[in-house]
Amino acid sequence: MVNQTTRYALHILGYLAQDDEALVPGDRIAREIGVPANYLAKILNQLRRSGIVESRKGWGGGFRLQPDARARPLLDIVRIFEGDKPAGIPSCIFGLPACDDGNPCALHGHWSEIRDSFEVMLRTTTVGELKRRALPPGT
């Protein structure tokens, strides 16, 4: 329900959440998460500019979560990469432009529940919770 960049960002944050203090080199993150190094650099740069991760260059450098990032809801991360409305969550499952409560499609009620549940999950799950929910590398 979110784009590939957002999925990678969530994987990266889950990986960084495993250790609060250690700076993790970018090449290790790329290898462990399975994201191309150039793509990783762009994602980490966006996360850094948004105040989610900090970085240090040079010997012993790398990336780690900002101290307050653990409390940030996943919705904040999704918005960094997808704006206010994630591209993967259409208003109507059929893509109809005029589907709403007043003019519902055949699946409107079901889809509204799914869409609303997904948004609640993004609002109530924090970056810190990715630590215990992180998926194994390559998934």
C-alpha atoms as a PDB file:
ATOM      1  CA  MET A   1       0.000   0.000   0.000  1.00  0.00           C
ATOM      2  CA  VAL A   2       3.075   2.231  -0.061  1.00  0.00           C
ATOM      3  CA  ASN A   3       5.749   2.651  -2.689  1.00  0.00           C
ATOM      4  CA  GLN A   4       9.107   0.845  -2.785  1.00  0.00           C
ATOM      5  CA  THR A   5      11.041   3.851  -1.478  1.00  0.00           C
ATOM      6  CA  THR A   6       8.814   4.044   1.600  1.00  0.00           C
ATOM      7  CA  ARG A   7       9.166   0.294   2.199  1.00  0.00           C
ATOM      8  CA  TYR A   8      12.943   0.604   2.032  1.00  0.00           C
ATOM      9  CA  ALA A   9      12.854   3.593   4.407  1.00  0.00           C
ATOM     10  CA  LEU A  10      10.847   1.576   6.933  1.00  0.00           C
ATOM     11  CA  HIS A  11      13.271  -1.351   6.622  1.00  0.00           C
ATOM     12  CA  ILE A  12      16.214   1.021   7.124  1.00  0.00           C
ATOM     13  CA  LEU A  13      14.626   2.562  10.214  1.00  0.00           C
ATOM     14  CA  GLY A  14      13.833  -0.877  11.641  1.00  0.00           C
ATOM     15  CA  TYR A  15      17.455  -1.850  11.120  1.00  0.00           C
ATOM     16  CA  LEU A  16      18.753   1.332  12.767  1.00  0.00           C
ATOM     17  CA  ALA A  17      16.308   0.901  15.660  1.00  0.00           C
ATOM     18  CA  GLN A  18      18.079  -2.342  16.627  1.00  0.00           C
ATOM     19  CA  ASP A  19      20.862  -0.288  18.276  1.00  0.00           C
ATOM     20  CA  ASP A  20      20.253   3.182  19.657  1.00  0.00           C
ATOM     21  CA  GLU A  21      23.842   4.348  19.917  1.00  0.00           C
ATOM     22  CA  ALA A  22      25.943   2.731  17.208  1.00  0.00           C
ATOM     23  CA  LEU A  23      26.673   4.540  13.982  1.00  0.00           C
ATOM     24  CA  VAL A  24      26.032   2.072  11.180  1.00  0.00           C
ATOM     25  CA  PRO A  25      28.012   2.434   7.935  1.00  0.00           C
ATOM     26  CA  GLY A  26      25.902   2.894   4.818  1.00  0.00           C
ATOM     27  CA  ASP A  27      27.457  -0.078   3.054  1.00  0.00           C
ATOM     28  CA  ARG A  28      26.412  -2.365   5.920  1.00  0.00           C
ATOM     29  CA  ILE A  29      22.846  -1.036   5.798  1.00  0.00           C
ATOM     30  CA  ALA A  30      22.730  -1.561   2.027  1.00  0.00           C
ATOM     31  CA  ARG A  31      24.011  -5.109   2.369  1.00  0.00           C
ATOM     32  CA  GLU A  32      21.737  -6.077   5.276  1.00  0.00           C
ATOM     33  CA  ILE A  33      18.570  -4.512   3.870  1.00  0.00           C
ATOM     34  CA  GLY A  34      19.285  -5.430   0.260  1.00  0.00           C
ATOM     35  CA  VAL A  35      18.877  -1.915  -1.119  1.00  0.00           C
ATOM     36  CA  PRO A  36      21.181  -0.556  -3.858  1.00  0.00           C
ATOM     37  CA  ALA A  37      23.804   1.777  -2.358  1.00  0.00           C
ATOM     38  CA  ASN A  38      22.853   4.790  -4.514  1.00  0.00           C
ATOM     39  CA  TYR A  39      19.173   4.366  -3.650  1.00  0.00           C
ATOM     40  CA  LEU A  40      20.060   3.988   0.025  1.00  0.00           C
ATOM     41  CA  ALA A  41      22.030   7.244  -0.040  1.00  0.00           C
ATOM     42  CA  LYS A  42      19.045   9.158  -1.411  1.00  0.00           C
ATOM     43  CA  ILE A  43      16.684   7.682   1.184  1.00  0.00           C
ATOM     44  CA  LEU A  44      19.069   8.351   4.072  1.00  0.00           C
ATOM     45  CA  ASN A  45      19.593  11.907   2.863  1.00  0.00           C
ATOM     46  CA  GLN A  46      15.826  12.528   2.945  1.00  0.00           C
ATOM     47  CA  LEU A  47      15.584  10.967   6.405  1.00  0.00           C
ATOM     48  CA  ARG A  48      18.497  13.130   7.589  1.00  0.00           C
ATOM     49  CA  ARG A  49      16.971  16.340   6.215  1.00  0.00           C
ATOM     50  CA  SER A  50      13.692  15.415   7.921  1.00  0.00           C
ATOM     51  CA  GLY A  51      15.391  14.986  11.303  1.00  0.00           C
ATOM     52  CA  ILE A  52      14.838  11.237  11.534  1.00  0.00           C
ATOM     53  CA  VAL A  53      18.450  10.063  11.257  1.00  0.00           C
ATOM     54  CA  GLU A  54      21.778  11.684  11.916  1.00  0.00           C
ATOM     55  CA  SER A  55      24.933  11.028   9.988  1.00  0.00           C
ATOM     56  CA  ARG A  56      28.630  11.364  10.573  1.00  0.00           C
ATOM     57  CA  LYS A  57      31.215  11.252   7.813  1.00  0.00           C
ATOM     58  CA  GLY A  58      34.681   9.792   7.884  1.00  0.00           C
ATOM     59  CA  TRP A  59      36.311   6.995   9.823  1.00  0.00           C
ATOM     60  CA  GLY A  60      33.868   5.530  12.330  1.00  0.00           C
ATOM     61  CA  GLY A  61      31.015   7.390  10.677  1.00  0.00           C
ATOM     62  CA  GLY A  62      27.643   6.168   9.626  1.00  0.00           C
ATOM     63  CA  PHE A  63      23.977   6.632  10.434  1.00  0.00           C
ATOM     64  CA  ARG A  64      21.750   6.291  13.482  1.00  0.00           C
ATOM     65  CA  LEU A  65      18.316   7.359  14.598  1.00  0.00           C
ATOM     66  CA  GLN A  66      17.914  10.813  16.082  1.00  0.00           C
ATOM     67  CA  PRO A  67      17.005  10.472  19.788  1.00  0.00           C
ATOM     68  CA  ASP A  68      13.413  11.638  19.316  1.00  0.00           C
ATOM     69  CA  ALA A  69      12.830   9.642  16.114  1.00  0.00           C
ATOM     70  CA  ARG A  70      11.771   6.508  18.002  1.00  0.00           C
ATOM     71  CA  ALA A  71       8.559   8.243  19.113  1.00  0.00           C
ATOM     72  CA  ARG A  72       7.612   9.422  15.627  1.00  0.00           C
ATOM     73  CA  PRO A  73       4.595   7.702  14.054  1.00  0.00           C
ATOM     74  CA  LEU A  74       5.119   5.789  10.822  1.00  0.00           C
ATOM     75  CA  LEU A  75       2.736   8.231   9.156  1.00  0.00           C
ATOM     76  CA  ASP A  76       5.480  10.873   9.456  1.00  0.00           C
ATOM     77  CA  ILE A  77       7.835   8.617   7.501  1.00  0.00           C
ATOM     78  CA  VAL A  78       5.238   7.821   4.852  1.00  0.00           C
ATOM     79  CA  ARG A  79       4.582  11.546   4.393  1.00  0.00           C
ATOM     80  CA  ILE A  80       8.293  12.230   3.851  1.00  0.00           C
ATOM     81  CA  PHE A  81       8.287   9.950   0.811  1.00  0.00           C
ATOM     82  CA  GLU A  82       4.696  10.101  -0.409  1.00  0.00           C
ATOM     83  CA  GLY A  83       3.179  13.356   0.760  1.00  0.00           C
ATOM     84  CA  ASP A  84      -0.112  13.604   2.625  1.00  0.00           C
ATOM     85  CA  LYS A  85      -1.859  10.792   0.762  1.00  0.00           C
ATOM     86  CA  PRO A  86       0.168   7.664   0.055  1.00  0.00           C
ATOM     87  CA  ALA A  87       0.012   6.761  -3.629  1.00  0.00           C
ATOM     88  CA  GLY A  88      -0.764   3.125  -2.863  1.00  0.00           C
ATOM     89  CA  ILE A  89      -3.996   3.845  -1.008  1.00  0.00           C
ATOM     90  CA  PRO A  90      -6.618   4.797  -3.568  1.00  0.00           C
ATOM     91  CA  SER A  91      -9.899   6.301  -2.407  1.00  0.00           C
ATOM     92  CA  CYS A  92     -11.718   3.630  -4.401  1.00  0.00           C
ATOM     93  CA  ILE A  93     -10.485   0.078  -4.868  1.00  0.00           C
ATOM     94  CA  PHE A  94     -11.794   0.210  -8.455  1.00  0.00           C
ATOM     95  CA  GLY A  95     -10.233   3.628  -9.065  1.00  0.00           C
ATOM     96  CA  LEU A  96     -13.590   5.285  -9.661  1.00  0.00           C
ATOM     97  CA  PRO A  97     -13.337   9.075  -9.351  1.00  0.00           C
ATOM     98  CA  ALA A  98     -16.852   9.535  -7.929  1.00  0.00           C
ATOM     99  CA  CYS A  99     -16.801   6.831  -5.239  1.00  0.00           C
ATOM    100  CA  ASP A 100     -17.731   8.110  -1.787  1.00  0.00           C
ATOM    101  CA  ASP A 101     -20.277   7.532   0.960  1.00  0.00           C
ATOM    102  CA  GLY A 102     -22.969   9.212  -1.137  1.00  0.00           C
ATOM    103  CA  ASN A 103     -22.107   7.339  -4.319  1.00  0.00           C
ATOM    104  CA  PRO A 104     -20.403   4.092  -3.230  1.00  0.00           C
ATOM    105  CA  CYS A 105     -18.982   1.364  -5.442  1.00  0.00           C
ATOM    106  CA  ALA A 106     -19.781  -2.272  -4.681  1.00  0.00           C
ATOM    107  CA  LEU A 107     -16.812  -2.605  -2.295  1.00  0.00           C
ATOM    108  CA  HIS A 108     -16.811   0.903  -0.810  1.00  0.00           C
ATOM    109  CA  GLY A 109     -17.727  -0.154   2.739  1.00  0.00           C
ATOM    110  CA  HIS A 110     -15.118  -2.911   2.870  1.00  0.00           C
ATOM    111  CA  TRP A 111     -12.412  -0.783   1.275  1.00  0.00           C
ATOM    112  CA  SER A 112     -13.118   2.153   3.589  1.00  0.00           C
ATOM    113  CA  GLU A 113     -12.527  -0.126   6.599  1.00  0.00           C
ATOM    114  CA  ILE A 114      -9.237  -1.398   5.174  1.00  0.00           C
ATOM    115  CA  ARG A 115      -8.051   2.078   4.239  1.00  0.00           C
ATOM    116  CA  ASP A 116      -9.024   3.469   7.661  1.00  0.00           C
ATOM    117  CA  SER A 117      -7.340   0.579   9.516  1.00  0.00           C
ATOM    118  CA  PHE A 118      -4.159   1.126   7.537  1.00  0.00           C
ATOM    119  CA  GLU A 119      -4.153   4.817   8.422  1.00  0.00           C
ATOM    120  CA  VAL A 120      -4.738   4.022  12.123  1.00  0.00           C
ATOM    121  CA  MET A 121      -1.782   1.621  12.029  1.00  0.00           C
ATOM    122  CA  LEU A 122       0.427   4.336  10.513  1.00  0.00           C
ATOM    123  CA  ARG A 123      -0.706   6.872  13.134  1.00  0.00           C
ATOM    124  CA  THR A 124      -0.308   4.576  16.149  1.00  0.00           C
ATOM    125  CA  THR A 125       2.839   2.588  15.318  1.00  0.00           C
ATOM    126  CA  THR A 126       6.109   4.355  16.040  1.00  0.00           C
ATOM    127  CA  VAL A 127       9.558   4.092  14.499  1.00  0.00           C
ATOM    128  CA  GLY A 128      10.777   2.573  17.763  1.00  0.00           C
ATOM    129  CA  GLU A 129       8.307  -0.276  17.398  1.00  0.00           C
ATOM    130  CA  LEU A 130       9.973  -1.283  14.145  1.00  0.00           C
ATOM    131  CA  LYS A 131      12.786  -2.656  16.306  1.00  0.00           C
ATOM    132  CA  ARG A 132      10.767  -5.629  17.448  1.00  0.00           C
ATOM    133  CA  ARG A 133       8.785  -5.899  14.236  1.00  0.00           C
ATOM    134  CA  ALA A 134      11.669  -5.617  11.777  1.00  0.00           C
ATOM    135  CA  LEU A 135      11.633  -8.189   9.006  1.00  0.00           C
ATOM    136  CA  PRO A 136      14.620 -10.361   8.167  1.00  0.00           C
ATOM    137  CA  PRO A 137      16.984  -9.011   5.492  1.00  0.00           C
ATOM    138  CA  GLY A 138      15.814  -9.461   1.920  1.00  0.00           C
ATOM    139  CA  THR A 139      12.082  -9.482   2.709  1.00  0.00           C
END
